[in-house]
């Protein structure tokens, strides 16, 4: 897989126009796949109120993805709103974003990353497993859900 040139990952406010556009794209992809009770992604308002450290992925200066990490003290960081626009998948952008979020968490003294993803997110599941995440039971506020998978990785 070629490592994309012209890539930057920059902090952004979730309520910026570019972030809102990417989050809306993510929501449109998930809408037909999961019922509301199995959707655990934070709204823009909740990303802000929960203090999620949020980033946009730019490819050749165009915003093409997003992701954040919510730090739960120093116990763990939870990846939130991970997304790369379909036209830009396969360039290594998601892998670079996960690495960036892991490094950001480490700089805050957090070495464990956790996440929830949907069972229909085959590309994401392959990415996480390929990056050393292992499946775990539900954590934090999550409850068992047949449409959710939970992962963890220690850095």
N, C-alpha and C. Protein backbone atom coordinates (compact mmCIF):
# COMPACT_ATOMS: atom_id res chain seq x y z
N UNK A 1 0.85 -1.18 0.00
CA UNK A 1 0.00 0.00 0.00
C UNK A 1 0.89 1.23 0.00
N UNK A 2 0.75 2.13 -0.97
CA UNK A 2 1.61 3.31 -1.03
C UNK A 2 1.28 4.28 0.09
N UNK A 3 2.31 4.87 0.66
CA UNK A 3 2.11 5.89 1.67
C UNK A 3 1.83 7.20 0.97
N UNK A 4 0.70 7.80 1.27
CA UNK A 4 0.25 9.00 0.56
C UNK A 4 1.19 10.18 0.82
N UNK A 5 1.53 10.86 -0.24
CA UNK A 5 2.30 12.10 -0.15
C UNK A 5 1.28 13.24 -0.05
N UNK A 6 1.74 14.38 0.45
CA UNK A 6 0.85 15.53 0.53
C UNK A 6 -0.23 15.37 1.59
N UNK A 7 0.08 14.64 2.67
CA UNK A 7 -0.89 14.38 3.73
C UNK A 7 -0.53 15.20 4.95
N UNK A 8 -1.54 15.81 5.57
CA UNK A 8 -1.34 16.44 6.87
C UNK A 8 -2.52 16.08 7.75
N UNK A 9 -2.25 16.01 9.03
CA UNK A 9 -3.29 15.76 10.03
C UNK A 9 -3.20 16.91 11.02
N UNK A 10 -4.27 17.69 11.07
CA UNK A 10 -4.25 18.94 11.83
C UNK A 10 -5.40 18.97 12.84
N UNK A 11 -5.14 19.57 14.02
CA UNK A 11 -6.24 19.77 14.96
C UNK A 11 -7.31 20.64 14.32
N UNK A 12 -8.56 20.35 14.64
CA UNK A 12 -9.67 21.13 14.08
C UNK A 12 -10.82 21.11 15.08
N UNK A 13 -11.62 22.13 15.00
CA UNK A 13 -12.84 22.14 15.81
C UNK A 13 -13.89 21.30 15.07
N UNK A 14 -14.58 20.42 15.80
CA UNK A 14 -15.62 19.62 15.14
C UNK A 14 -16.74 20.45 14.52
N UNK A 15 -16.88 21.70 14.95
CA UNK A 15 -17.94 22.53 14.37
C UNK A 15 -17.46 23.41 13.22
N UNK A 16 -16.24 23.20 12.76
CA UNK A 16 -15.78 23.94 11.58
C UNK A 16 -16.54 23.42 10.35
N UNK A 17 -16.67 24.24 9.32
CA UNK A 17 -17.40 23.78 8.12
C UNK A 17 -16.82 22.48 7.53
N UNK A 18 -15.50 22.38 7.45
CA UNK A 18 -14.89 21.18 6.87
C UNK A 18 -15.19 19.95 7.72
N UNK A 19 -15.08 20.09 9.05
CA UNK A 19 -15.36 18.96 9.94
C UNK A 19 -16.83 18.56 9.85
N UNK A 20 -17.73 19.55 9.83
CA UNK A 20 -19.16 19.23 9.71
C UNK A 20 -19.45 18.47 8.42
N UNK A 21 -18.78 18.84 7.33
CA UNK A 21 -19.00 18.16 6.05
C UNK A 21 -18.53 16.71 6.11
N UNK A 22 -17.35 16.49 6.70
CA UNK A 22 -16.82 15.12 6.79
C UNK A 22 -17.69 14.28 7.73
N UNK A 23 -18.10 14.84 8.85
CA UNK A 23 -18.95 14.10 9.80
C UNK A 23 -20.29 13.78 9.16
N UNK A 24 -20.85 14.70 8.38
CA UNK A 24 -22.12 14.43 7.67
C UNK A 24 -21.94 13.30 6.66
N UNK A 25 -20.80 13.25 6.00
CA UNK A 25 -20.49 12.16 5.06
C UNK A 25 -20.44 10.82 5.80
N UNK A 26 -19.79 10.82 6.96
CA UNK A 26 -19.73 9.63 7.80
C UNK A 26 -21.12 9.17 8.21
N UNK A 27 -21.93 10.11 8.67
CA UNK A 27 -23.30 9.77 9.09
C UNK A 27 -24.11 9.18 7.94
N UNK A 28 -23.96 9.76 6.75
CA UNK A 28 -24.69 9.26 5.57
C UNK A 28 -24.28 7.83 5.23
N UNK A 29 -23.02 7.49 5.46
CA UNK A 29 -22.55 6.13 5.21
C UNK A 29 -23.12 5.15 6.24
N UNK A 30 -23.24 5.59 7.48
CA UNK A 30 -23.71 4.71 8.56
C UNK A 30 -25.23 4.59 8.65
N UNK A 31 -25.94 5.63 8.22
CA UNK A 31 -27.41 5.67 8.36
C UNK A 31 -28.12 4.39 7.90
N UNK A 32 -27.83 3.90 6.70
CA UNK A 32 -28.58 2.72 6.26
C UNK A 32 -28.11 1.40 6.90
N UNK A 33 -27.01 1.44 7.64
CA UNK A 33 -26.42 0.20 8.16
C UNK A 33 -26.84 -0.16 9.58
N UNK A 34 -27.16 0.86 10.38
CA UNK A 34 -27.38 0.62 11.81
C UNK A 34 -28.61 1.37 12.32
N UNK A 35 -29.41 0.73 13.18
CA UNK A 35 -30.52 1.45 13.82
C UNK A 35 -29.96 2.45 14.84
N UNK A 36 -30.76 3.41 15.19
CA UNK A 36 -30.32 4.47 16.10
C UNK A 36 -29.72 3.93 17.40
N UNK A 37 -30.31 2.89 17.97
CA UNK A 37 -29.83 2.36 19.25
C UNK A 37 -28.45 1.70 19.14
N UNK A 38 -28.00 1.42 17.93
CA UNK A 38 -26.68 0.84 17.73
C UNK A 38 -25.69 1.84 17.15
N UNK A 39 -26.04 3.12 17.21
CA UNK A 39 -25.15 4.17 16.70
C UNK A 39 -24.55 4.90 17.89
N UNK A 40 -23.25 4.84 18.02
CA UNK A 40 -22.59 5.38 19.20
C UNK A 40 -21.69 6.58 18.90
N UNK A 41 -21.71 7.05 17.65
CA UNK A 41 -20.88 8.20 17.29
C UNK A 41 -21.39 9.47 17.94
N UNK A 42 -20.47 10.30 18.37
CA UNK A 42 -20.83 11.57 18.98
C UNK A 42 -21.27 12.59 17.92
N UNK A 43 -22.27 13.37 18.28
CA UNK A 43 -22.65 14.52 17.47
C UNK A 43 -21.55 15.57 17.57
N UNK A 44 -21.62 16.58 16.71
CA UNK A 44 -20.66 17.68 16.79
C UNK A 44 -20.72 18.32 18.18
N UNK A 45 -21.94 18.55 18.67
CA UNK A 45 -22.08 19.18 19.99
C UNK A 45 -21.46 18.32 21.09
N UNK A 46 -21.64 17.00 21.00
CA UNK A 46 -21.09 16.13 22.03
C UNK A 46 -19.57 16.03 21.91
N UNK A 47 -19.03 16.04 20.69
CA UNK A 47 -17.57 16.07 20.53
C UNK A 47 -17.01 17.29 21.27
N UNK A 48 -17.69 18.41 21.12
CA UNK A 48 -17.25 19.64 21.79
C UNK A 48 -17.43 19.55 23.30
N UNK A 49 -18.61 19.15 23.76
CA UNK A 49 -18.89 19.14 25.20
C UNK A 49 -18.07 18.10 25.95
N UNK A 50 -17.70 17.01 25.26
CA UNK A 50 -16.91 15.95 25.91
C UNK A 50 -15.40 16.20 25.79
N UNK A 51 -15.02 17.27 25.12
CA UNK A 51 -13.61 17.62 25.03
C UNK A 51 -12.78 16.65 24.20
N UNK A 52 -13.38 16.09 23.15
CA UNK A 52 -12.65 15.16 22.29
C UNK A 52 -11.60 15.94 21.50
N UNK A 53 -10.37 15.47 21.53
CA UNK A 53 -9.30 16.05 20.71
C UNK A 53 -9.54 15.57 19.29
N UNK A 54 -9.88 16.51 18.41
CA UNK A 54 -10.38 16.18 17.08
C UNK A 54 -9.40 16.67 16.01
N UNK A 55 -9.27 15.87 14.95
CA UNK A 55 -8.32 16.16 13.88
C UNK A 55 -8.96 15.93 12.51
N UNK A 56 -8.52 16.72 11.53
CA UNK A 56 -8.90 16.50 10.14
C UNK A 56 -7.69 16.00 9.38
N UNK A 57 -7.95 15.06 8.48
CA UNK A 57 -6.93 14.56 7.57
C UNK A 57 -7.08 15.32 6.27
N UNK A 58 -5.98 15.91 5.82
CA UNK A 58 -5.96 16.63 4.54
C UNK A 58 -5.08 15.86 3.57
N UNK A 59 -5.58 15.71 2.36
CA UNK A 59 -4.80 15.11 1.29
C UNK A 59 -4.69 16.17 0.19
N UNK A 60 -3.47 16.58 -0.08
CA UNK A 60 -3.23 17.66 -1.05
C UNK A 60 -4.10 18.88 -0.71
N UNK A 61 -4.11 19.19 0.60
CA UNK A 61 -4.80 20.35 1.18
C UNK A 61 -6.32 20.25 1.20
N UNK A 62 -6.87 19.13 0.78
CA UNK A 62 -8.33 18.94 0.80
C UNK A 62 -8.69 18.07 2.02
N UNK A 63 -9.66 18.51 2.86
CA UNK A 63 -10.07 17.67 3.99
C UNK A 63 -10.79 16.41 3.49
N UNK A 64 -10.26 15.24 3.86
CA UNK A 64 -10.80 13.98 3.35
C UNK A 64 -11.12 12.97 4.46
N UNK A 65 -10.90 13.34 5.70
CA UNK A 65 -11.17 12.41 6.78
C UNK A 65 -11.07 13.09 8.13
N UNK A 66 -11.45 12.34 9.15
CA UNK A 66 -11.42 12.88 10.50
C UNK A 66 -11.26 11.77 11.52
N UNK A 67 -10.95 12.18 12.71
CA UNK A 67 -10.87 11.25 13.83
C UNK A 67 -10.54 12.03 15.08
N UNK A 68 -10.88 11.43 16.20
CA UNK A 68 -10.59 12.07 17.46
C UNK A 68 -10.25 11.05 18.52
N UNK A 69 -9.78 11.57 19.63
CA UNK A 69 -9.51 10.70 20.78
C UNK A 69 -10.04 11.41 22.02
N UNK A 70 -10.86 10.66 22.75
CA UNK A 70 -11.40 11.15 24.01
C UNK A 70 -10.59 10.51 25.13
N UNK A 71 -9.89 11.33 25.88
CA UNK A 71 -9.04 10.81 26.95
C UNK A 71 -9.88 10.61 28.20
N UNK A 72 -9.79 9.42 28.75
CA UNK A 72 -10.49 9.08 30.00
C UNK A 72 -9.44 9.03 31.10
N UNK A 73 -9.08 10.23 31.59
CA UNK A 73 -7.98 10.34 32.52
C UNK A 73 -6.72 9.80 31.86
N UNK A 74 -5.96 9.01 32.61
CA UNK A 74 -4.79 8.36 32.02
C UNK A 74 -5.04 6.87 31.82
N UNK A 75 -6.30 6.44 32.04
CA UNK A 75 -6.62 5.01 31.91
C UNK A 75 -6.60 4.57 30.45
N UNK A 76 -7.32 5.29 29.60
CA UNK A 76 -7.34 4.96 28.17
C UNK A 76 -7.88 6.13 27.37
N UNK A 77 -7.60 6.08 26.09
CA UNK A 77 -8.17 7.02 25.14
C UNK A 77 -9.09 6.25 24.21
N UNK A 78 -10.24 6.84 23.91
CA UNK A 78 -11.18 6.18 23.00
C UNK A 78 -11.18 6.90 21.66
N UNK A 79 -10.94 6.14 20.59
CA UNK A 79 -11.01 6.70 19.25
C UNK A 79 -12.47 6.98 18.91
N UNK A 80 -12.72 8.15 18.36
CA UNK A 80 -14.07 8.59 18.03
C UNK A 80 -14.09 9.14 16.61
N UNK A 81 -15.22 8.92 15.90
CA UNK A 81 -15.50 9.53 14.60
C UNK A 81 -14.41 9.30 13.57
N UNK A 82 -13.84 8.10 13.56
CA UNK A 82 -12.82 7.73 12.58
C UNK A 82 -13.47 7.58 11.21
N UNK A 83 -12.92 8.30 10.21
CA UNK A 83 -13.52 8.24 8.88
C UNK A 83 -12.55 8.78 7.83
N UNK A 84 -12.49 8.09 6.71
CA UNK A 84 -11.80 8.56 5.51
C UNK A 84 -12.81 8.46 4.36
N UNK A 85 -12.95 9.52 3.58
CA UNK A 85 -13.87 9.51 2.43
C UNK A 85 -13.52 8.35 1.50
N UNK A 86 -14.53 7.65 0.98
CA UNK A 86 -14.27 6.46 0.16
C UNK A 86 -13.29 6.67 -0.99
N UNK A 87 -13.32 7.81 -1.65
CA UNK A 87 -12.43 8.05 -2.79
C UNK A 87 -10.96 8.11 -2.38
N UNK A 88 -10.69 8.24 -1.08
CA UNK A 88 -9.31 8.38 -0.60
C UNK A 88 -8.86 7.19 0.24
N UNK A 89 -9.65 6.14 0.26
CA UNK A 89 -9.26 4.93 0.99
C UNK A 89 -8.22 4.16 0.19
N UNK A 90 -7.41 3.39 0.88
CA UNK A 90 -6.37 2.61 0.22
C UNK A 90 -5.06 3.36 0.06
N UNK A 91 -4.99 4.59 0.56
CA UNK A 91 -3.77 5.39 0.47
C UNK A 91 -2.96 5.37 1.76
N UNK A 92 -3.44 4.66 2.76
CA UNK A 92 -2.74 4.62 4.04
C UNK A 92 -3.12 5.75 4.99
N UNK A 93 -4.16 6.51 4.64
CA UNK A 93 -4.55 7.66 5.46
C UNK A 93 -5.11 7.25 6.82
N UNK A 94 -5.94 6.23 6.86
CA UNK A 94 -6.53 5.79 8.14
C UNK A 94 -5.44 5.28 9.07
N UNK A 95 -4.49 4.54 8.53
CA UNK A 95 -3.37 4.04 9.35
C UNK A 95 -2.58 5.22 9.92
N UNK A 96 -2.32 6.21 9.09
CA UNK A 96 -1.59 7.39 9.56
C UNK A 96 -2.39 8.13 10.62
N UNK A 97 -3.71 8.18 10.45
CA UNK A 97 -4.55 8.86 11.44
C UNK A 97 -4.52 8.12 12.77
N UNK A 98 -4.64 6.80 12.75
CA UNK A 98 -4.58 6.03 14.01
C UNK A 98 -3.22 6.24 14.68
N UNK A 99 -2.14 6.19 13.90
CA UNK A 99 -0.81 6.44 14.48
C UNK A 99 -0.73 7.83 15.10
N UNK A 100 -1.30 8.81 14.42
CA UNK A 100 -1.29 10.19 14.92
C UNK A 100 -2.06 10.29 16.25
N UNK A 101 -3.24 9.67 16.29
CA UNK A 101 -4.05 9.72 17.51
C UNK A 101 -3.37 8.98 18.65
N UNK A 102 -2.72 7.86 18.34
CA UNK A 102 -1.98 7.11 19.36
C UNK A 102 -0.84 7.95 19.91
N UNK A 103 -0.10 8.62 19.04
CA UNK A 103 1.00 9.48 19.48
C UNK A 103 0.47 10.65 20.32
N UNK A 104 -0.65 11.23 19.89
CA UNK A 104 -1.26 12.32 20.65
C UNK A 104 -1.63 11.83 22.06
N UNK A 105 -2.25 10.66 22.15
CA UNK A 105 -2.62 10.12 23.46
C UNK A 105 -1.38 9.85 24.31
N UNK A 106 -0.34 9.30 23.70
CA UNK A 106 0.91 9.03 24.44
C UNK A 106 1.49 10.32 25.01
N UNK A 107 1.43 11.38 24.25
CA UNK A 107 1.95 12.67 24.73
C UNK A 107 1.17 13.17 25.94
N UNK A 108 -0.07 12.69 26.10
CA UNK A 108 -0.90 13.06 27.25
C UNK A 108 -0.78 12.02 28.37
N UNK A 109 0.11 11.05 28.22
CA UNK A 109 0.33 10.03 29.24
C UNK A 109 -0.61 8.85 29.15
N UNK A 110 -1.27 8.67 28.00
CA UNK A 110 -2.23 7.58 27.82
C UNK A 110 -1.68 6.59 26.80
N UNK A 111 -1.50 5.34 27.23
CA UNK A 111 -0.89 4.35 26.33
C UNK A 111 -1.86 3.28 25.85
N UNK A 112 -3.09 3.32 26.31
CA UNK A 112 -4.09 2.33 25.88
C UNK A 112 -5.16 3.04 25.05
N UNK A 113 -5.43 2.50 23.87
CA UNK A 113 -6.50 3.00 23.02
C UNK A 113 -7.60 1.96 22.96
N UNK A 114 -8.83 2.43 22.99
CA UNK A 114 -10.01 1.58 22.84
C UNK A 114 -10.92 2.20 21.80
N UNK A 115 -11.83 1.38 21.29
CA UNK A 115 -12.80 1.89 20.33
C UNK A 115 -13.96 0.94 20.19
N UNK A 116 -15.05 1.49 19.68
CA UNK A 116 -16.23 0.71 19.27
C UNK A 116 -16.39 0.95 17.79
N UNK A 117 -16.70 -0.12 17.06
CA UNK A 117 -17.02 0.01 15.64
C UNK A 117 -18.15 -0.95 15.32
N UNK A 118 -18.81 -0.70 14.22
CA UNK A 118 -19.92 -1.54 13.81
C UNK A 118 -19.47 -2.79 13.07
N UNK A 119 -20.26 -3.84 13.18
CA UNK A 119 -19.91 -5.12 12.55
C UNK A 119 -19.87 -5.05 11.03
N UNK A 120 -20.53 -4.04 10.44
CA UNK A 120 -20.56 -3.91 8.98
C UNK A 120 -19.38 -3.08 8.45
N UNK A 121 -18.51 -2.63 9.32
CA UNK A 121 -17.35 -1.81 8.93
C UNK A 121 -16.14 -2.70 8.66
N UNK A 122 -16.23 -3.54 7.64
CA UNK A 122 -15.19 -4.54 7.36
C UNK A 122 -13.81 -3.91 7.16
N UNK A 123 -13.74 -2.79 6.42
CA UNK A 123 -12.44 -2.14 6.20
C UNK A 123 -11.84 -1.66 7.51
N UNK A 124 -12.67 -1.08 8.36
CA UNK A 124 -12.19 -0.57 9.64
C UNK A 124 -11.73 -1.72 10.53
N UNK A 125 -12.49 -2.79 10.56
CA UNK A 125 -12.11 -3.96 11.38
C UNK A 125 -10.76 -4.50 10.92
N UNK A 126 -10.57 -4.64 9.61
CA UNK A 126 -9.27 -5.12 9.09
C UNK A 126 -8.15 -4.16 9.48
N UNK A 127 -8.42 -2.86 9.38
CA UNK A 127 -7.41 -1.87 9.76
C UNK A 127 -7.02 -2.05 11.22
N UNK A 128 -8.00 -2.06 12.11
CA UNK A 128 -7.70 -2.14 13.54
C UNK A 128 -6.99 -3.44 13.88
N UNK A 129 -7.47 -4.55 13.37
CA UNK A 129 -6.80 -5.82 13.67
C UNK A 129 -5.39 -5.83 13.09
N UNK A 130 -5.21 -5.27 11.91
CA UNK A 130 -3.89 -5.20 11.30
C UNK A 130 -2.93 -4.28 12.02
N UNK A 131 -3.47 -3.38 12.83
CA UNK A 131 -2.64 -2.46 13.61
C UNK A 131 -2.47 -2.91 15.05
N UNK A 132 -2.83 -4.15 15.34
CA UNK A 132 -2.57 -4.71 16.66
C UNK A 132 -3.67 -4.54 17.68
N UNK A 133 -4.83 -4.07 17.27
CA UNK A 133 -5.95 -4.00 18.21
C UNK A 133 -6.52 -5.40 18.39
N UNK A 134 -6.93 -5.69 19.61
CA UNK A 134 -7.57 -6.98 19.88
C UNK A 134 -8.98 -6.74 20.39
N UNK A 135 -9.85 -7.71 20.10
CA UNK A 135 -11.25 -7.57 20.54
C UNK A 135 -11.34 -7.72 22.06
N UNK A 136 -12.20 -6.89 22.62
CA UNK A 136 -12.44 -6.89 24.06
C UNK A 136 -13.95 -6.82 24.29
N UNK A 137 -14.38 -7.08 25.53
CA UNK A 137 -15.81 -6.90 25.85
C UNK A 137 -16.15 -5.40 25.86
N UNK A 138 -17.44 -5.08 25.88
CA UNK A 138 -17.83 -3.67 25.98
C UNK A 138 -17.14 -3.00 27.17
N UNK A 139 -16.82 -1.73 27.02
CA UNK A 139 -16.12 -0.98 28.06
C UNK A 139 -16.87 0.33 28.32
N UNK A 140 -16.51 0.98 29.42
CA UNK A 140 -17.09 2.29 29.73
C UNK A 140 -18.61 2.27 29.68
N UNK A 141 -19.20 3.17 28.92
CA UNK A 141 -20.66 3.28 28.89
C UNK A 141 -21.34 2.25 27.98
N UNK A 142 -20.58 1.47 27.25
CA UNK A 142 -21.16 0.55 26.27
C UNK A 142 -21.76 -0.69 26.93
N UNK A 143 -22.77 -1.21 26.29
CA UNK A 143 -23.40 -2.47 26.69
C UNK A 143 -23.31 -3.42 25.51
N UNK A 144 -23.46 -4.73 25.77
CA UNK A 144 -23.41 -5.67 24.64
C UNK A 144 -24.42 -5.29 23.56
N UNK A 145 -23.97 -5.37 22.31
CA UNK A 145 -24.80 -5.03 21.16
C UNK A 145 -24.34 -5.93 20.02
N UNK A 146 -25.23 -6.70 19.43
CA UNK A 146 -24.81 -7.61 18.36
C UNK A 146 -24.27 -6.89 17.12
N UNK A 147 -24.47 -5.58 17.03
CA UNK A 147 -23.98 -4.81 15.89
C UNK A 147 -22.69 -4.04 16.19
N UNK A 148 -22.15 -4.22 17.40
CA UNK A 148 -20.93 -3.50 17.80
C UNK A 148 -19.80 -4.47 18.12
N UNK A 149 -18.60 -4.04 17.80
CA UNK A 149 -17.37 -4.73 18.21
C UNK A 149 -16.52 -3.72 18.98
N UNK A 150 -15.75 -4.23 19.93
CA UNK A 150 -14.93 -3.37 20.78
C UNK A 150 -13.49 -3.84 20.69
N UNK A 151 -12.58 -2.88 20.64
CA UNK A 151 -11.16 -3.19 20.46
C UNK A 151 -10.30 -2.39 21.44
N UNK A 152 -9.07 -2.92 21.66
CA UNK A 152 -8.11 -2.24 22.52
C UNK A 152 -6.71 -2.53 22.01
N UNK A 153 -5.83 -1.55 22.21
CA UNK A 153 -4.41 -1.73 21.90
C UNK A 153 -3.59 -0.92 22.89
N UNK A 154 -2.55 -1.56 23.41
CA UNK A 154 -1.60 -0.83 24.27
C UNK A 154 -0.40 -0.43 23.41
N UNK A 155 0.04 0.80 23.58
CA UNK A 155 1.21 1.29 22.83
C UNK A 155 2.49 0.95 23.54
